[in-house]
Amino acid sequence: MMGALRILLAGLILSLSAVAGAARTPGGDFTLHTIKGEPVSLSSLQGKVVLLYFGFTFCPEMCPTELLQFKQLLASLPADKSRRVQPVFISVDPKRDTPEVLGPYVSHFSERILALTGSESELRAVADQYGVQFRYVPTGSTYTVDHTASIYVIDAHGTLVRILPYGTPAGELMRQVSSLLP
């Protein structure tokens, strides 16, 4: 319980820091890479509602919870609307989240979730664009990653329209996404 509370508080602090430090409107186009090394830009996903989440595969609670929300949302939407939603998981732990780790992790939740990553400097540039914070925290012989744990909702035109905090109920996520689907 204390570990989960520490993670939740760290995420909240990082989220508040990102909001307080944001000098401009968050969002915008970026290009990262799939687990196959193929470049993908946000602009290539125009026409779809994009659900952007920054996390890492060794995340004990928040990342799996939000990816499960993505899976449930896709399953709950009618097929014609589900096809117009693209969940994206951006790994902020390129050292451990290799393609061999990241691919199976994300596909465990849904084959429809697009996993993206890049070098640490590329990831920091995209994170900065969205007001996302992440930092590596030593834990004995390894480390964890404290990170902003929000879902960034991007409309079909590529504009960031909502930032939903960790713990947003599934019904509210469904309502927000549905309002953007014709």
N, C-alpha and C. Protein backbone atom coordinates (compact mmCIF):
# COMPACT_ATOMS: atom_id res chain seq x y z
N MET A 1 0.82 -1.19 0.00
CA MET A 1 0.00 0.00 0.00
C MET A 1 0.86 1.26 0.00
N MET A 2 1.92 1.28 0.80
CA MET A 2 2.79 2.46 0.86
C MET A 2 3.48 2.67 -0.48
N GLY A 3 3.87 1.58 -1.15
CA GLY A 3 4.51 1.72 -2.46
C GLY A 3 3.56 2.33 -3.47
N ALA A 4 2.32 1.88 -3.48
CA ALA A 4 1.32 2.43 -4.40
C ALA A 4 1.04 3.89 -4.08
N LEU A 5 0.98 4.22 -2.80
CA LEU A 5 0.75 5.60 -2.39
C LEU A 5 1.92 6.48 -2.82
N ARG A 6 3.14 5.98 -2.66
CA ARG A 6 4.33 6.74 -3.06
C ARG A 6 4.30 6.99 -4.56
N ILE A 7 3.95 5.99 -5.33
CA ILE A 7 3.89 6.13 -6.79
C ILE A 7 2.81 7.13 -7.18
N LEU A 8 1.65 7.03 -6.56
CA LEU A 8 0.55 7.94 -6.86
C LEU A 8 0.94 9.38 -6.52
N LEU A 9 1.55 9.59 -5.35
CA LEU A 9 1.96 10.94 -4.96
C LEU A 9 3.05 11.47 -5.88
N ALA A 10 3.99 10.62 -6.26
CA ALA A 10 5.06 11.06 -7.18
C ALA A 10 4.46 11.47 -8.52
N GLY A 11 3.51 10.69 -9.02
CA GLY A 11 2.85 11.03 -10.28
C GLY A 11 2.10 12.33 -10.18
N LEU A 12 1.42 12.56 -9.05
CA LEU A 12 0.67 13.80 -8.85
C LEU A 12 1.63 14.98 -8.81
N ILE A 13 2.73 14.84 -8.08
CA ILE A 13 3.71 15.92 -8.00
C ILE A 13 4.29 16.22 -9.38
N LEU A 14 4.62 15.17 -10.13
CA LEU A 14 5.16 15.38 -11.47
C LEU A 14 4.13 16.03 -12.38
N SER A 15 2.86 15.63 -12.26
CA SER A 15 1.81 16.25 -13.07
C SER A 15 1.65 17.72 -12.74
N LEU A 16 1.64 18.05 -11.46
CA LEU A 16 1.51 19.44 -11.05
C LEU A 16 2.72 20.26 -11.47
N SER A 17 3.90 19.66 -11.40
CA SER A 17 5.12 20.35 -11.85
C SER A 17 5.04 20.64 -13.33
N ALA A 18 4.54 19.69 -14.08
CA ALA A 18 4.44 19.88 -15.54
C ALA A 18 3.48 21.01 -15.86
N VAL A 19 2.34 21.06 -15.16
CA VAL A 19 1.36 22.12 -15.41
C VAL A 19 1.94 23.46 -14.99
N ALA A 20 2.58 23.52 -13.82
CA ALA A 20 3.12 24.79 -13.33
C ALA A 20 4.25 25.29 -14.22
N GLY A 21 5.02 24.38 -14.81
CA GLY A 21 6.16 24.78 -15.61
C GLY A 21 5.86 24.96 -17.08
N ALA A 22 4.66 24.66 -17.50
CA ALA A 22 4.33 24.75 -18.92
C ALA A 22 4.20 26.22 -19.33
N ALA A 23 5.06 26.67 -20.25
CA ALA A 23 5.06 28.06 -20.69
C ALA A 23 4.21 28.22 -21.95
N ARG A 24 3.79 27.13 -22.55
CA ARG A 24 3.01 27.19 -23.77
C ARG A 24 1.97 26.10 -23.74
N THR A 25 1.08 26.14 -24.71
CA THR A 25 0.05 25.13 -24.79
C THR A 25 0.70 23.78 -25.14
N PRO A 26 0.41 22.74 -24.35
CA PRO A 26 1.03 21.44 -24.64
C PRO A 26 0.45 20.81 -25.91
N GLY A 27 1.22 19.89 -26.47
CA GLY A 27 0.77 19.14 -27.63
C GLY A 27 1.64 19.40 -28.84
N GLY A 28 1.22 18.87 -29.96
CA GLY A 28 1.93 19.08 -31.22
C GLY A 28 2.43 17.78 -31.82
N ASP A 29 2.87 17.90 -33.06
CA ASP A 29 3.35 16.74 -33.80
C ASP A 29 4.70 16.28 -33.27
N PHE A 30 4.98 15.02 -33.42
CA PHE A 30 6.26 14.43 -33.04
C PHE A 30 6.44 13.18 -33.87
N THR A 31 7.66 12.67 -33.89
CA THR A 31 7.94 11.40 -34.54
C THR A 31 8.78 10.55 -33.59
N LEU A 32 8.31 9.33 -33.34
CA LEU A 32 9.06 8.33 -32.57
C LEU A 32 9.07 7.05 -33.40
N HIS A 33 9.49 5.93 -32.79
CA HIS A 33 9.63 4.69 -33.55
C HIS A 33 8.85 3.53 -32.93
N THR A 34 8.34 2.67 -33.80
CA THR A 34 7.67 1.45 -33.36
C THR A 34 8.72 0.46 -32.88
N ILE A 35 8.27 -0.67 -32.38
CA ILE A 35 9.21 -1.70 -31.93
C ILE A 35 9.98 -2.30 -33.11
N LYS A 36 9.49 -2.09 -34.33
CA LYS A 36 10.20 -2.55 -35.52
C LYS A 36 11.14 -1.48 -36.07
N GLY A 37 11.23 -0.35 -35.39
CA GLY A 37 12.11 0.72 -35.82
C GLY A 37 11.52 1.65 -36.86
N GLU A 38 10.23 1.47 -37.17
CA GLU A 38 9.57 2.31 -38.17
C GLU A 38 9.16 3.64 -37.55
N PRO A 39 9.42 4.76 -38.24
CA PRO A 39 9.01 6.05 -37.70
C PRO A 39 7.50 6.23 -37.79
N VAL A 40 6.92 6.80 -36.75
CA VAL A 40 5.50 7.13 -36.71
C VAL A 40 5.39 8.53 -36.15
N SER A 41 4.68 9.38 -36.87
CA SER A 41 4.43 10.73 -36.37
C SER A 41 2.98 10.83 -35.95
N LEU A 42 2.72 11.77 -35.07
CA LEU A 42 1.34 12.00 -34.65
C LEU A 42 0.50 12.39 -35.86
N SER A 43 1.06 13.19 -36.76
CA SER A 43 0.30 13.64 -37.93
C SER A 43 -0.12 12.47 -38.82
N SER A 44 0.61 11.36 -38.77
CA SER A 44 0.23 10.19 -39.58
C SER A 44 -1.01 9.50 -39.02
N LEU A 45 -1.42 9.88 -37.81
CA LEU A 45 -2.60 9.28 -37.17
C LEU A 45 -3.82 10.18 -37.28
N GLN A 46 -3.70 11.29 -38.03
CA GLN A 46 -4.85 12.18 -38.18
C GLN A 46 -6.03 11.42 -38.74
N GLY A 47 -7.21 11.82 -38.31
CA GLY A 47 -8.43 11.11 -38.67
C GLY A 47 -8.87 10.18 -37.56
N LYS A 48 -7.98 9.97 -36.58
CA LYS A 48 -8.30 9.12 -35.43
C LYS A 48 -8.18 9.93 -34.15
N VAL A 49 -8.96 9.54 -33.17
CA VAL A 49 -8.79 10.09 -31.83
C VAL A 49 -7.64 9.31 -31.21
N VAL A 50 -6.62 10.02 -30.76
CA VAL A 50 -5.43 9.38 -30.20
C VAL A 50 -5.45 9.52 -28.69
N LEU A 51 -5.21 8.41 -28.01
CA LEU A 51 -5.07 8.40 -26.56
C LEU A 51 -3.59 8.15 -26.28
N LEU A 52 -2.91 9.17 -25.81
CA LEU A 52 -1.47 9.12 -25.62
C LEU A 52 -1.16 8.91 -24.14
N TYR A 53 -0.31 7.92 -23.87
CA TYR A 53 0.09 7.66 -22.48
C TYR A 53 1.59 7.41 -22.44
N PHE A 54 2.27 8.08 -21.50
CA PHE A 54 3.70 7.91 -21.31
C PHE A 54 3.92 7.00 -20.11
N GLY A 55 4.71 5.94 -20.27
CA GLY A 55 4.93 5.02 -19.17
C GLY A 55 6.12 4.12 -19.42
N PHE A 56 6.15 2.99 -18.71
CA PHE A 56 7.24 2.02 -18.87
C PHE A 56 6.75 0.65 -18.46
N THR A 57 7.36 -0.38 -19.02
CA THR A 57 6.85 -1.74 -18.83
C THR A 57 7.06 -2.29 -17.42
N PHE A 58 8.01 -1.75 -16.68
CA PHE A 58 8.24 -2.23 -15.32
C PHE A 58 7.37 -1.50 -14.30
N CYS A 59 6.48 -0.66 -14.76
CA CYS A 59 5.58 0.11 -13.92
C CYS A 59 4.67 -0.86 -13.15
N PRO A 60 4.64 -0.74 -11.83
CA PRO A 60 3.88 -1.72 -11.05
C PRO A 60 2.37 -1.54 -11.05
N GLU A 61 1.87 -0.33 -11.28
CA GLU A 61 0.44 -0.14 -11.10
C GLU A 61 -0.20 0.77 -12.13
N MET A 62 0.28 1.99 -12.28
CA MET A 62 -0.41 2.99 -13.09
C MET A 62 -0.46 2.61 -14.57
N CYS A 63 0.65 2.21 -15.13
CA CYS A 63 0.68 1.89 -16.57
C CYS A 63 -0.24 0.71 -16.91
N PRO A 64 -0.16 -0.39 -16.18
CA PRO A 64 -1.08 -1.48 -16.52
C PRO A 64 -2.54 -1.09 -16.35
N THR A 65 -2.83 -0.27 -15.35
CA THR A 65 -4.21 0.18 -15.13
C THR A 65 -4.71 0.97 -16.33
N GLU A 66 -3.90 1.91 -16.82
CA GLU A 66 -4.34 2.74 -17.94
C GLU A 66 -4.41 1.94 -19.24
N LEU A 67 -3.48 1.02 -19.46
CA LEU A 67 -3.53 0.19 -20.67
C LEU A 67 -4.75 -0.73 -20.64
N LEU A 68 -5.12 -1.19 -19.47
CA LEU A 68 -6.35 -1.98 -19.33
C LEU A 68 -7.57 -1.11 -19.67
N GLN A 69 -7.53 0.15 -19.28
CA GLN A 69 -8.62 1.08 -19.65
C GLN A 69 -8.72 1.19 -21.17
N PHE A 70 -7.57 1.28 -21.85
CA PHE A 70 -7.57 1.35 -23.32
C PHE A 70 -8.22 0.11 -23.91
N LYS A 71 -7.83 -1.05 -23.38
CA LYS A 71 -8.38 -2.31 -23.88
C LYS A 71 -9.90 -2.33 -23.70
N GLN A 72 -10.37 -1.95 -22.52
CA GLN A 72 -11.80 -1.96 -22.24
C GLN A 72 -12.55 -0.95 -23.09
N LEU A 73 -11.96 0.20 -23.32
CA LEU A 73 -12.59 1.22 -24.15
C LEU A 73 -12.76 0.70 -25.57
N LEU A 74 -11.71 0.14 -26.14
CA LEU A 74 -11.78 -0.38 -27.51
C LEU A 74 -12.84 -1.47 -27.63
N ALA A 75 -12.95 -2.31 -26.62
CA ALA A 75 -13.92 -3.41 -26.64
C ALA A 75 -15.35 -2.90 -26.46
N SER A 76 -15.51 -1.78 -25.77
CA SER A 76 -16.85 -1.26 -25.48
C SER A 76 -17.44 -0.41 -26.60
N LEU A 77 -16.58 0.14 -27.42
CA LEU A 77 -17.07 0.98 -28.52
C LEU A 77 -17.60 0.12 -29.66
N PRO A 78 -18.62 0.61 -30.37
CA PRO A 78 -19.04 -0.09 -31.59
C PRO A 78 -17.85 -0.16 -32.57
N ALA A 79 -17.79 -1.21 -33.38
CA ALA A 79 -16.65 -1.45 -34.26
C ALA A 79 -16.31 -0.25 -35.15
N ASP A 80 -17.32 0.42 -35.69
CA ASP A 80 -17.05 1.56 -36.58
C ASP A 80 -16.39 2.71 -35.82
N LYS A 81 -16.70 2.88 -34.55
CA LYS A 81 -16.09 3.94 -33.75
C LYS A 81 -14.74 3.48 -33.19
N SER A 82 -14.64 2.23 -32.81
CA SER A 82 -13.40 1.70 -32.27
C SER A 82 -12.25 1.84 -33.27
N ARG A 83 -12.55 1.66 -34.55
CA ARG A 83 -11.52 1.78 -35.59
C ARG A 83 -10.97 3.19 -35.70
N ARG A 84 -11.70 4.16 -35.16
CA ARG A 84 -11.27 5.56 -35.25
C ARG A 84 -10.59 6.03 -33.97
N VAL A 85 -10.18 5.09 -33.12
CA VAL A 85 -9.47 5.40 -31.88
C VAL A 85 -8.12 4.69 -31.92
N GLN A 86 -7.05 5.44 -31.63
CA GLN A 86 -5.71 4.85 -31.63
C GLN A 86 -5.02 5.12 -30.29
N PRO A 87 -4.99 4.12 -29.41
CA PRO A 87 -4.21 4.27 -28.18
C PRO A 87 -2.72 4.16 -28.50
N VAL A 88 -1.92 5.01 -27.87
CA VAL A 88 -0.47 5.02 -28.07
C VAL A 88 0.21 5.00 -26.70
N PHE A 89 1.11 4.04 -26.53
CA PHE A 89 1.90 3.92 -25.31
C PHE A 89 3.33 4.33 -25.66
N ILE A 90 3.79 5.44 -25.08
CA ILE A 90 5.17 5.88 -25.31
C ILE A 90 6.01 5.47 -24.11
N SER A 91 6.97 4.58 -24.36
CA SER A 91 7.84 4.15 -23.28
C SER A 91 8.90 5.21 -23.01
N VAL A 92 9.04 5.58 -21.75
CA VAL A 92 10.06 6.54 -21.34
C VAL A 92 11.25 5.83 -20.68
N ASP A 93 11.36 4.53 -20.93
CA ASP A 93 12.46 3.73 -20.37
C ASP A 93 13.14 2.95 -21.49
N PRO A 94 13.83 3.66 -22.41
CA PRO A 94 14.40 2.97 -23.57
C PRO A 94 15.50 1.97 -23.22
N LYS A 95 16.10 2.12 -22.06
CA LYS A 95 17.17 1.19 -21.66
C LYS A 95 16.61 -0.22 -21.43
N ARG A 96 15.50 -0.32 -20.74
CA ARG A 96 14.92 -1.65 -20.45
C ARG A 96 13.82 -2.04 -21.42
N ASP A 97 13.09 -1.06 -21.95
CA ASP A 97 11.96 -1.36 -22.83
C ASP A 97 12.43 -1.54 -24.27
N THR A 98 13.17 -2.61 -24.46
CA THR A 98 13.63 -2.97 -25.80
C THR A 98 12.43 -3.48 -26.60
N PRO A 99 12.56 -3.59 -27.91
CA PRO A 99 11.45 -4.13 -28.71
C PRO A 99 10.99 -5.51 -28.22
N GLU A 100 11.93 -6.33 -27.75
CA GLU A 100 11.58 -7.68 -27.28
C GLU A 100 10.76 -7.65 -25.99
N VAL A 101 10.88 -6.58 -25.24
CA VAL A 101 10.11 -6.42 -24.00
C VAL A 101 8.82 -5.62 -24.25
N LEU A 102 8.97 -4.52 -24.98
CA LEU A 102 7.85 -3.60 -25.18
C LEU A 102 6.71 -4.21 -26.01
N GLY A 103 7.06 -4.92 -27.07
CA GLY A 103 6.04 -5.51 -27.94
C GLY A 103 5.09 -6.46 -27.21
N PRO A 104 5.63 -7.50 -26.55
CA PRO A 104 4.75 -8.42 -25.83
C PRO A 104 3.98 -7.76 -24.68
N TYR A 105 4.62 -6.80 -24.02
CA TYR A 105 3.95 -6.11 -22.91
C TYR A 105 2.68 -5.41 -23.39
N VAL A 106 2.81 -4.60 -24.43
CA VAL A 106 1.67 -3.83 -24.92
C VAL A 106 0.63 -4.75 -25.56
N SER A 107 1.07 -5.74 -26.31
CA SER A 107 0.10 -6.63 -26.97
C SER A 107 -0.65 -7.50 -25.96
N HIS A 108 -0.11 -7.65 -24.77
CA HIS A 108 -0.83 -8.36 -23.70
C HIS A 108 -2.17 -7.65 -23.41
N PHE A 109 -2.17 -6.35 -23.52
CA PHE A 109 -3.39 -5.57 -23.27
C PHE A 109 -4.25 -5.50 -24.53
N SER A 110 -3.63 -5.19 -25.68
CA SER A 110 -4.36 -5.13 -26.94
C SER A 110 -3.38 -4.99 -28.09
N GLU A 111 -3.64 -5.73 -29.15
CA GLU A 111 -2.84 -5.61 -30.37
C GLU A 111 -3.04 -4.24 -31.01
N ARG A 112 -4.09 -3.55 -30.62
CA ARG A 112 -4.42 -2.24 -31.19
C ARG A 112 -3.64 -1.09 -30.57
N ILE A 113 -2.98 -1.32 -29.44
CA ILE A 113 -2.21 -0.26 -28.80
C ILE A 113 -0.87 -0.15 -29.53
N LEU A 114 -0.56 1.04 -29.97
CA LEU A 114 0.68 1.30 -30.69
C LEU A 114 1.75 1.66 -29.67
N ALA A 115 2.83 0.88 -29.66
CA ALA A 115 3.95 1.13 -28.75
C ALA A 115 5.01 1.93 -29.49
N LEU A 116 5.41 3.05 -28.89
CA LEU A 116 6.44 3.90 -29.49
C LEU A 116 7.54 4.16 -28.48
N THR A 117 8.74 4.38 -28.99
CA THR A 117 9.86 4.75 -28.14
C THR A 117 10.89 5.48 -28.98
N GLY A 118 11.99 5.82 -28.36
CA GLY A 118 13.07 6.52 -29.03
C GLY A 118 14.24 6.62 -28.09
N SER A 119 15.19 7.45 -28.45
CA SER A 119 16.32 7.69 -27.55
C SER A 119 15.82 8.53 -26.37
N GLU A 120 16.60 8.56 -25.31
CA GLU A 120 16.18 9.36 -24.16
C GLU A 120 15.98 10.82 -24.56
N SER A 121 16.85 11.37 -25.39
CA SER A 121 16.69 12.77 -25.79
C SER A 121 15.44 12.98 -26.65
N GLU A 122 15.12 12.04 -27.52
CA GLU A 122 13.88 12.13 -28.31
C GLU A 122 12.66 12.07 -27.40
N LEU A 123 12.70 11.17 -26.44
CA LEU A 123 11.57 11.02 -25.50
C LEU A 123 11.40 12.25 -24.64
N ARG A 124 12.49 12.83 -24.20
CA ARG A 124 12.41 14.05 -23.39
C ARG A 124 11.82 15.20 -24.21
N ALA A 125 12.19 15.29 -25.48
CA ALA A 125 11.65 16.35 -26.35
C ALA A 125 10.13 16.22 -26.48
N VAL A 126 9.65 15.00 -26.71
CA VAL A 126 8.20 14.78 -26.84
C VAL A 126 7.52 15.02 -25.49
N ALA A 127 8.12 14.50 -24.43
CA ALA A 127 7.55 14.71 -23.09
C ALA A 127 7.44 16.21 -22.79
N ASP A 128 8.47 16.96 -23.12
CA ASP A 128 8.43 18.41 -22.88
C ASP A 128 7.31 19.07 -23.66
N GLN A 129 7.10 18.62 -24.89
CA GLN A 129 6.01 19.17 -25.71
C GLN A 129 4.66 19.04 -25.03
N TYR A 130 4.49 17.93 -24.31
CA TYR A 130 3.19 17.63 -23.69
C TYR A 130 3.15 17.98 -22.20
N GLY A 131 4.23 18.54 -21.68
CA GLY A 131 4.25 18.87 -20.26
C GLY A 131 4.39 17.66 -19.37
N VAL A 132 4.94 16.59 -19.93
CA VAL A 132 5.12 15.34 -19.19
C VAL A 132 6.49 15.35 -18.52
N GLN A 133 6.53 14.89 -17.29
CA GLN A 133 7.79 14.77 -16.57
C GLN A 133 8.09 13.29 -16.33
N PHE A 134 9.36 12.94 -16.41
CA PHE A 134 9.78 11.61 -15.97
C PHE A 134 11.21 11.69 -15.49
N ARG A 135 11.50 10.84 -14.51
CA ARG A 135 12.86 10.78 -13.98
C ARG A 135 13.13 9.37 -13.48
N TYR A 136 14.39 9.00 -13.57
CA TYR A 136 14.83 7.67 -13.15
C TYR A 136 15.25 7.75 -11.69
N VAL A 137 14.69 6.84 -10.88
CA VAL A 137 14.92 6.85 -9.44
C VAL A 137 15.57 5.53 -9.04
N PRO A 138 16.81 5.57 -8.51
CA PRO A 138 17.47 4.33 -8.08
C PRO A 138 16.68 3.62 -6.98
N THR A 139 16.61 2.28 -7.09
CA THR A 139 15.97 1.46 -6.06
C THR A 139 16.86 0.26 -5.81
N GLY A 140 17.90 0.45 -5.04
CA GLY A 140 18.84 -0.65 -4.79
C GLY A 140 19.70 -0.89 -6.03
N SER A 141 19.64 -2.10 -6.56
CA SER A 141 20.48 -2.45 -7.71
C SER A 141 19.82 -2.11 -9.04
N THR A 142 18.63 -1.56 -9.03
CA THR A 142 17.94 -1.21 -10.27
C THR A 142 17.35 0.19 -10.13
N TYR A 143 16.29 0.49 -10.85
CA TYR A 143 15.65 1.80 -10.77
C TYR A 143 14.19 1.67 -11.15
N THR A 144 13.45 2.70 -10.81
CA THR A 144 12.08 2.84 -11.27
C THR A 144 11.99 4.17 -12.00
N VAL A 145 10.85 4.44 -12.58
CA VAL A 145 10.66 5.70 -13.30
C VAL A 145 9.44 6.40 -12.74
N ASP A 146 9.67 7.56 -12.13
CA ASP A 146 8.54 8.40 -11.73
C ASP A 146 8.12 9.15 -12.98
N HIS A 147 6.83 9.17 -13.26
CA HIS A 147 6.37 9.81 -14.50
C HIS A 147 4.97 10.38 -14.33
N THR A 148 4.68 11.37 -15.16
CA THR A 148 3.33 11.91 -15.23
C THR A 148 2.43 10.78 -15.71
N ALA A 149 1.31 10.62 -15.04
CA ALA A 149 0.43 9.49 -15.35
C ALA A 149 -0.94 9.98 -15.82
N SER A 150 -0.94 10.70 -16.91
CA SER A 150 -2.19 11.22 -17.47
C SER A 150 -2.41 10.65 -18.86
N ILE A 151 -3.65 10.66 -19.29
CA ILE A 151 -3.99 10.29 -20.67
C ILE A 151 -4.20 11.58 -21.44
N TYR A 152 -3.49 11.71 -22.54
CA TYR A 152 -3.58 12.89 -23.40
C TYR A 152 -4.51 12.54 -24.55
N VAL A 153 -5.65 13.21 -24.62
CA VAL A 153 -6.66 12.93 -25.63
C VAL A 153 -6.48 13.92 -26.78
N ILE A 154 -6.23 13.39 -27.96
CA ILE A 154 -5.94 14.19 -29.14
C ILE A 154 -7.04 13.93 -30.15
N ASP A 155 -7.64 15.00 -30.65
CA ASP A 155 -8.76 14.83 -31.58
C ASP A 155 -8.28 14.39 -32.97
N ALA A 156 -9.22 14.15 -33.86
CA ALA A 156 -8.92 13.62 -35.19
C ALA A 156 -8.13 14.59 -36.05
N HIS A 157 -8.00 15.84 -35.60
CA HIS A 157 -7.22 16.83 -36.34
C HIS A 157 -5.81 16.97 -35.79
N GLY A 158 -5.49 16.18 -34.75
CA GLY A 158 -4.15 16.22 -34.16
C GLY A 158 -3.97 17.24 -33.07
N THR A 159 -5.07 17.75 -32.53
CA THR A 159 -5.02 18.77 -31.48
C THR A 159 -5.28 18.14 -30.11
N LEU A 160 -4.40 18.44 -29.17
CA LEU A 160 -4.62 17.99 -27.79
C LEU A 160 -5.83 18.73 -27.24
N VAL A 161 -6.86 17.97 -26.85
CA VAL A 161 -8.10 18.59 -26.38
C VAL A 161 -8.38 18.34 -24.90
N ARG A 162 -7.80 17.29 -24.33
CA ARG A 162 -8.03 17.00 -22.93
C ARG A 162 -6.83 16.27 -22.34
N ILE A 163 -6.62 16.51 -21.05
CA ILE A 163 -5.65 15.75 -20.28
C ILE A 163 -6.42 15.14 -19.12
N LEU A 164 -6.51 13.82 -19.12
CA LEU A 164 -7.27 13.11 -18.10
C LEU A 164 -6.30 12.54 -17.07
N PRO A 165 -6.48 12.86 -15.79
CA PRO A 165 -5.55 12.38 -14.77
C PRO A 165 -5.69 10.88 -14.52
N TYR A 166 -4.63 10.32 -13.96
CA TYR A 166 -4.66 8.91 -13.57
C TYR A 166 -5.87 8.68 -12.66
N GLY A 167 -6.55 7.59 -12.89
CA GLY A 167 -7.71 7.24 -12.07
C GLY A 167 -9.02 7.74 -12.63
N THR A 168 -8.98 8.39 -13.80
CA THR A 168 -10.24 8.82 -14.42
C THR A 168 -11.09 7.57 -14.64
N PRO A 169 -12.33 7.56 -14.18
CA PRO A 169 -13.18 6.37 -14.34
C PRO A 169 -13.38 6.01 -15.82
N ALA A 170 -13.55 4.73 -16.07
CA ALA A 170 -13.74 4.22 -17.43
C ALA A 170 -14.91 4.90 -18.13
N GLY A 171 -15.98 5.13 -17.41
CA GLY A 171 -17.15 5.79 -18.01
C GLY A 171 -16.84 7.20 -18.48
N GLU A 172 -16.02 7.91 -17.73
CA GLU A 172 -15.64 9.27 -18.12
C GLU A 172 -14.72 9.24 -19.34
N LEU A 173 -13.80 8.29 -19.36
CA LEU A 173 -12.93 8.15 -20.54
C LEU A 173 -13.79 7.85 -21.76
N MET A 174 -14.76 6.96 -21.63
CA MET A 174 -15.67 6.64 -22.73
C MET A 174 -16.44 7.88 -23.17
N ARG A 175 -16.93 8.65 -22.24
CA ARG A 175 -17.68 9.86 -22.57
C ARG A 175 -16.80 10.87 -23.32
N GLN A 176 -15.59 11.06 -22.84
CA GLN A 176 -14.68 12.02 -23.48
C GLN A 176 -14.33 11.59 -24.90
N VAL A 177 -14.02 10.32 -25.09
CA VAL A 177 -13.66 9.81 -26.41
C VAL A 177 -14.88 9.84 -27.34
N SER A 178 -16.01 9.38 -26.85
CA SER A 178 -17.23 9.35 -27.67
C SER A 178 -17.62 10.74 -28.16
N SER A 179 -17.37 11.76 -27.34
CA SER A 179 -17.73 13.12 -27.75
C SER A 179 -16.90 13.60 -28.93
N LEU A 180 -15.79 12.94 -29.21
CA LEU A 180 -14.92 13.33 -30.32
C LEU A 180 -15.14 12.48 -31.57
N LEU A 181 -15.98 11.46 -31.44
CA LEU A 181 -16.24 10.58 -32.58
C LEU A 181 -17.56 10.96 -33.23
N PRO A 182 -17.55 11.15 -34.55
CA PRO A 182 -18.82 11.51 -35.23
C PRO A 182 -19.80 10.35 -35.22
